[in-house]
N, C-alpha and C. Protein backbone atom coordinates (compact mmCIF):
# COMPACT_ATOMS: atom_id res chain seq x y z
N UNK A 1 -18.38 -41.44 9.39
CA UNK A 1 -18.53 -40.17 10.03
C UNK A 1 -19.89 -39.56 9.64
N UNK A 2 -20.51 -39.02 10.60
CA UNK A 2 -21.78 -38.37 10.36
C UNK A 2 -21.47 -36.94 9.82
N UNK A 3 -22.60 -36.30 9.45
CA UNK A 3 -22.48 -34.93 8.87
C UNK A 3 -22.01 -33.88 9.87
N UNK A 4 -22.43 -34.04 11.07
CA UNK A 4 -22.05 -33.07 12.12
C UNK A 4 -20.55 -33.15 12.39
N UNK A 5 -19.97 -34.33 12.40
CA UNK A 5 -18.52 -34.42 12.68
C UNK A 5 -17.74 -33.90 11.47
N UNK A 6 -18.20 -34.16 10.28
CA UNK A 6 -17.53 -33.59 9.09
C UNK A 6 -17.57 -32.10 9.11
N UNK A 7 -18.65 -31.51 9.48
CA UNK A 7 -18.83 -30.08 9.50
C UNK A 7 -17.91 -29.44 10.57
N UNK A 8 -17.86 -30.12 11.68
CA UNK A 8 -16.90 -29.61 12.74
C UNK A 8 -15.47 -29.70 12.28
N UNK A 9 -15.09 -30.73 11.61
CA UNK A 9 -13.72 -30.81 11.15
C UNK A 9 -13.44 -29.71 10.09
N UNK A 10 -14.38 -29.49 9.20
CA UNK A 10 -14.21 -28.40 8.19
C UNK A 10 -14.14 -27.05 8.89
N UNK A 11 -14.93 -26.84 9.93
CA UNK A 11 -14.89 -25.58 10.66
C UNK A 11 -13.51 -25.36 11.34
N UNK A 12 -12.98 -26.48 11.87
CA UNK A 12 -11.67 -26.37 12.58
C UNK A 12 -10.59 -26.03 11.54
N UNK A 13 -10.59 -26.58 10.33
CA UNK A 13 -9.67 -26.26 9.28
C UNK A 13 -9.85 -24.80 8.95
N UNK A 14 -10.99 -24.34 8.74
CA UNK A 14 -11.23 -22.91 8.39
C UNK A 14 -10.75 -22.00 9.47
N UNK A 15 -10.93 -22.37 10.70
CA UNK A 15 -10.52 -21.55 11.85
C UNK A 15 -8.98 -21.46 11.81
N UNK A 16 -8.29 -22.59 11.51
CA UNK A 16 -6.84 -22.61 11.51
C UNK A 16 -6.28 -21.64 10.40
N UNK A 17 -7.03 -21.70 9.22
CA UNK A 17 -6.61 -20.81 8.12
C UNK A 17 -6.76 -19.33 8.49
N UNK A 18 -7.85 -19.03 9.09
CA UNK A 18 -8.08 -17.62 9.56
C UNK A 18 -7.05 -17.20 10.56
N UNK A 19 -6.79 -18.10 11.54
CA UNK A 19 -5.78 -17.77 12.56
C UNK A 19 -4.42 -17.59 11.92
N UNK A 20 -4.07 -18.37 10.95
CA UNK A 20 -2.86 -18.21 10.23
C UNK A 20 -2.71 -16.92 9.47
N UNK A 21 -3.83 -16.50 8.87
CA UNK A 21 -3.83 -15.21 8.15
C UNK A 21 -3.65 -14.05 9.14
N UNK A 22 -4.30 -14.17 10.32
CA UNK A 22 -4.15 -13.14 11.32
C UNK A 22 -2.75 -13.06 11.85
N UNK A 23 -2.17 -14.18 12.02
CA UNK A 23 -0.77 -14.28 12.45
C UNK A 23 0.15 -13.62 11.46
N UNK A 24 0.10 -13.94 10.21
CA UNK A 24 0.81 -13.41 9.18
C UNK A 24 0.74 -11.92 9.04
N UNK A 25 -0.52 -11.42 9.16
CA UNK A 25 -0.79 -9.97 9.09
C UNK A 25 -0.17 -9.29 10.32
N UNK A 26 -0.29 -9.88 11.50
CA UNK A 26 0.35 -9.31 12.65
C UNK A 26 1.84 -9.23 12.52
N UNK A 27 2.52 -10.25 11.99
CA UNK A 27 3.93 -10.31 11.74
C UNK A 27 4.37 -9.18 10.76
N UNK A 28 3.59 -9.04 9.70
CA UNK A 28 3.85 -7.96 8.72
C UNK A 28 3.78 -6.59 9.33
N UNK A 29 2.70 -6.38 10.05
CA UNK A 29 2.51 -5.05 10.69
C UNK A 29 3.62 -4.75 11.71
N UNK A 30 3.98 -5.66 12.53
CA UNK A 30 5.06 -5.53 13.48
C UNK A 30 6.40 -5.30 12.82
N UNK A 31 6.66 -5.97 11.75
CA UNK A 31 7.93 -5.80 11.02
C UNK A 31 7.98 -4.38 10.45
N UNK A 32 6.92 -3.96 9.77
CA UNK A 32 6.88 -2.62 9.24
C UNK A 32 7.12 -1.54 10.31
N UNK A 33 6.47 -1.71 11.47
CA UNK A 33 6.62 -0.86 12.56
C UNK A 33 8.00 -0.84 13.06
N UNK A 34 8.66 -2.01 13.20
CA UNK A 34 10.04 -2.06 13.63
C UNK A 34 10.99 -1.34 12.76
N UNK A 35 10.87 -1.67 11.45
CA UNK A 35 11.78 -1.01 10.49
C UNK A 35 11.59 0.47 10.37
N UNK A 36 10.31 0.97 10.53
CA UNK A 36 10.08 2.38 10.57
C UNK A 36 10.75 3.02 11.76
N UNK A 37 10.74 2.42 12.88
CA UNK A 37 11.35 2.98 14.10
C UNK A 37 12.85 2.88 13.94
N UNK A 38 13.33 1.84 13.43
CA UNK A 38 14.80 1.73 13.21
C UNK A 38 15.33 2.76 12.25
N UNK A 39 14.54 3.01 11.22
CA UNK A 39 14.92 4.04 10.25
C UNK A 39 14.87 5.43 10.85
N UNK A 40 13.87 5.69 11.67
CA UNK A 40 13.71 6.94 12.28
C UNK A 40 14.81 7.28 13.27
N UNK A 41 15.34 6.21 13.97
CA UNK A 41 16.36 6.41 14.87
C UNK A 41 17.74 6.73 14.18
N UNK A 42 17.93 6.28 12.96
CA UNK A 42 19.15 6.52 12.23
C UNK A 42 19.26 7.97 11.79
N UNK A 43 18.19 8.58 11.47
CA UNK A 43 18.26 9.93 10.90
C UNK A 43 18.13 10.95 12.13
N UNK A 44 18.92 11.94 12.09
CA UNK A 44 18.81 12.93 13.20
C UNK A 44 18.38 14.24 12.50
N UNK A 45 17.44 14.90 13.08
CA UNK A 45 16.91 16.20 12.59
C UNK A 45 17.35 17.25 13.55
N UNK A 46 17.92 18.29 12.89
CA UNK A 46 18.32 19.41 13.70
C UNK A 46 17.14 20.36 13.88
N UNK A 47 17.13 21.14 14.95
CA UNK A 47 16.00 22.08 15.11
C UNK A 47 15.88 23.04 13.94
N UNK A 48 16.89 23.44 13.33
CA UNK A 48 16.83 24.40 12.17
C UNK A 48 16.23 23.67 11.03
N UNK A 49 16.55 22.44 10.70
CA UNK A 49 15.99 21.69 9.65
C UNK A 49 14.49 21.49 9.91
N UNK A 50 14.08 21.20 11.13
CA UNK A 50 12.68 20.97 11.47
C UNK A 50 11.92 22.23 11.21
N UNK A 51 12.42 23.37 11.67
CA UNK A 51 11.75 24.70 11.50
C UNK A 51 11.67 24.99 9.97
N UNK A 52 12.68 24.73 9.18
CA UNK A 52 12.56 25.01 7.78
C UNK A 52 11.51 24.16 7.07
N UNK A 53 11.48 22.88 7.50
CA UNK A 53 10.48 21.94 6.88
C UNK A 53 9.06 22.36 7.22
N UNK A 54 8.85 22.77 8.46
CA UNK A 54 7.53 23.25 8.88
C UNK A 54 7.13 24.53 8.18
N UNK A 55 8.15 25.42 8.03
CA UNK A 55 7.89 26.75 7.37
C UNK A 55 7.55 26.53 5.87
N UNK A 56 8.05 25.45 5.28
CA UNK A 56 7.88 25.25 3.81
C UNK A 56 6.53 24.62 3.49
N UNK A 57 5.79 24.12 4.58
CA UNK A 57 4.54 23.43 4.32
C UNK A 57 3.48 24.34 3.67
N UNK A 58 3.27 25.59 4.09
CA UNK A 58 2.20 26.40 3.36
C UNK A 58 2.50 26.59 1.92
N UNK A 59 3.76 26.77 1.59
CA UNK A 59 4.14 26.98 0.15
C UNK A 59 3.89 25.71 -0.63
N UNK A 60 4.22 24.58 0.00
CA UNK A 60 4.00 23.25 -0.76
C UNK A 60 2.50 23.02 -0.94
N UNK A 61 1.71 23.34 0.13
CA UNK A 61 0.31 23.09 -0.02
C UNK A 61 -0.29 23.94 -1.04
N UNK A 62 0.14 25.28 -1.03
CA UNK A 62 -0.39 26.18 -2.00
C UNK A 62 -0.05 25.82 -3.44
N UNK A 63 1.19 25.37 -3.66
CA UNK A 63 1.58 24.83 -5.02
C UNK A 63 0.75 23.67 -5.38
N UNK A 64 0.56 22.75 -4.47
CA UNK A 64 -0.26 21.48 -4.79
C UNK A 64 -1.70 21.92 -5.16
N UNK A 65 -2.30 22.81 -4.37
CA UNK A 65 -3.70 23.16 -4.66
C UNK A 65 -3.77 23.89 -5.95
N UNK A 66 -2.81 24.79 -6.32
CA UNK A 66 -2.84 25.41 -7.60
C UNK A 66 -2.68 24.46 -8.76
N UNK A 67 -1.87 23.44 -8.59
CA UNK A 67 -1.70 22.40 -9.60
C UNK A 67 -3.04 21.61 -9.77
N UNK A 68 -3.62 21.23 -8.60
CA UNK A 68 -4.88 20.48 -8.74
C UNK A 68 -5.98 21.40 -9.33
N UNK A 69 -5.98 22.67 -9.06
CA UNK A 69 -7.03 23.51 -9.55
C UNK A 69 -6.90 23.59 -11.05
N UNK A 70 -5.63 23.76 -11.59
CA UNK A 70 -5.44 23.84 -13.01
C UNK A 70 -5.84 22.53 -13.70
N UNK A 71 -5.57 21.40 -13.01
CA UNK A 71 -5.92 20.07 -13.62
C UNK A 71 -7.43 19.94 -13.64
N UNK A 72 -8.17 20.39 -12.59
CA UNK A 72 -9.54 20.33 -12.55
C UNK A 72 -10.14 21.19 -13.65
N UNK A 73 -9.63 22.44 -13.82
CA UNK A 73 -10.13 23.24 -14.85
C UNK A 73 -9.97 22.69 -16.23
N UNK A 74 -8.81 22.03 -16.52
CA UNK A 74 -8.53 21.43 -17.77
C UNK A 74 -9.57 20.25 -18.01
N UNK A 75 -9.76 19.42 -16.95
CA UNK A 75 -10.66 18.30 -17.07
C UNK A 75 -12.16 18.81 -17.33
N UNK A 76 -12.55 19.83 -16.63
CA UNK A 76 -13.86 20.37 -16.79
C UNK A 76 -14.06 20.96 -18.21
N UNK A 77 -13.02 21.65 -18.69
CA UNK A 77 -13.11 22.17 -20.04
C UNK A 77 -13.28 21.04 -21.07
N UNK A 78 -12.51 20.00 -20.95
CA UNK A 78 -12.59 18.85 -21.82
C UNK A 78 -13.95 18.18 -21.70
N UNK A 79 -14.44 17.98 -20.46
CA UNK A 79 -15.65 17.33 -20.16
C UNK A 79 -16.85 18.15 -20.80
N UNK A 80 -16.84 19.48 -20.66
CA UNK A 80 -17.91 20.31 -21.21
C UNK A 80 -17.87 20.25 -22.66
N UNK A 81 -16.62 20.25 -23.23
CA UNK A 81 -16.53 20.16 -24.75
C UNK A 81 -17.12 18.84 -25.28
N UNK A 82 -16.81 17.79 -24.59
CA UNK A 82 -17.37 16.46 -24.91
C UNK A 82 -18.94 16.50 -24.82
N UNK A 83 -19.43 17.08 -23.75
CA UNK A 83 -20.87 17.07 -23.57
C UNK A 83 -21.52 17.94 -24.63
N UNK A 84 -20.92 19.05 -25.03
CA UNK A 84 -21.47 19.91 -26.01
C UNK A 84 -21.47 19.19 -27.36
N UNK A 85 -20.40 18.43 -27.68
CA UNK A 85 -20.37 17.67 -28.88
C UNK A 85 -21.41 16.60 -28.92
N UNK A 86 -21.61 15.86 -27.77
CA UNK A 86 -22.69 14.86 -27.71
C UNK A 86 -24.09 15.47 -27.91
N UNK A 87 -24.34 16.64 -27.31
CA UNK A 87 -25.62 17.31 -27.43
C UNK A 87 -25.85 17.67 -28.89
N UNK A 88 -24.81 18.20 -29.55
CA UNK A 88 -24.98 18.63 -30.93
C UNK A 88 -25.23 17.44 -31.87
N UNK A 89 -24.61 16.28 -31.57
CA UNK A 89 -24.86 15.12 -32.42
C UNK A 89 -26.32 14.66 -32.14
N UNK A 90 -26.71 14.72 -30.91
CA UNK A 90 -28.05 14.28 -30.60
C UNK A 90 -29.10 15.18 -31.35
N UNK A 91 -28.93 16.49 -31.23
CA UNK A 91 -29.88 17.41 -31.87
C UNK A 91 -29.86 17.22 -33.41
N UNK A 92 -28.64 16.99 -33.95
CA UNK A 92 -28.60 16.84 -35.43
C UNK A 92 -29.35 15.51 -35.86
N UNK A 93 -29.35 14.50 -35.05
CA UNK A 93 -30.16 13.29 -35.40
C UNK A 93 -31.64 13.61 -35.43
N UNK A 94 -32.10 14.43 -34.48
CA UNK A 94 -33.54 14.69 -34.44
C UNK A 94 -33.89 15.79 -35.55
N UNK A 95 -33.00 16.66 -35.91
CA UNK A 95 -33.29 17.64 -36.98
C UNK A 95 -33.21 16.99 -38.35
N UNK A 96 -32.50 15.90 -38.50
CA UNK A 96 -32.40 15.27 -39.76
C UNK A 96 -33.70 14.56 -40.16
N UNK A 97 -34.49 14.23 -39.16
CA UNK A 97 -35.82 13.53 -39.49
C UNK A 97 -36.80 14.48 -39.94
């Protein structure tokens, strides 16, 4: 076999692997979609429950943002304390000389 034939055989094998990966991915995506639809059909949502869930969204978002804000403030305080300690160690090295 010459080099061109070998390369074409290798290319065909690689194409088969790529096609198989695409097929597997498509099957997984379709399966997830099918099970999501099947699960959604089993649960029934009353109009009152829907309105209550929509009405609770602003409160949930506000609570989430307040939690994130406090976490950010704690992280920034720790970060600034670490930076201050690093600067003081650096200055003490230069002042020792």
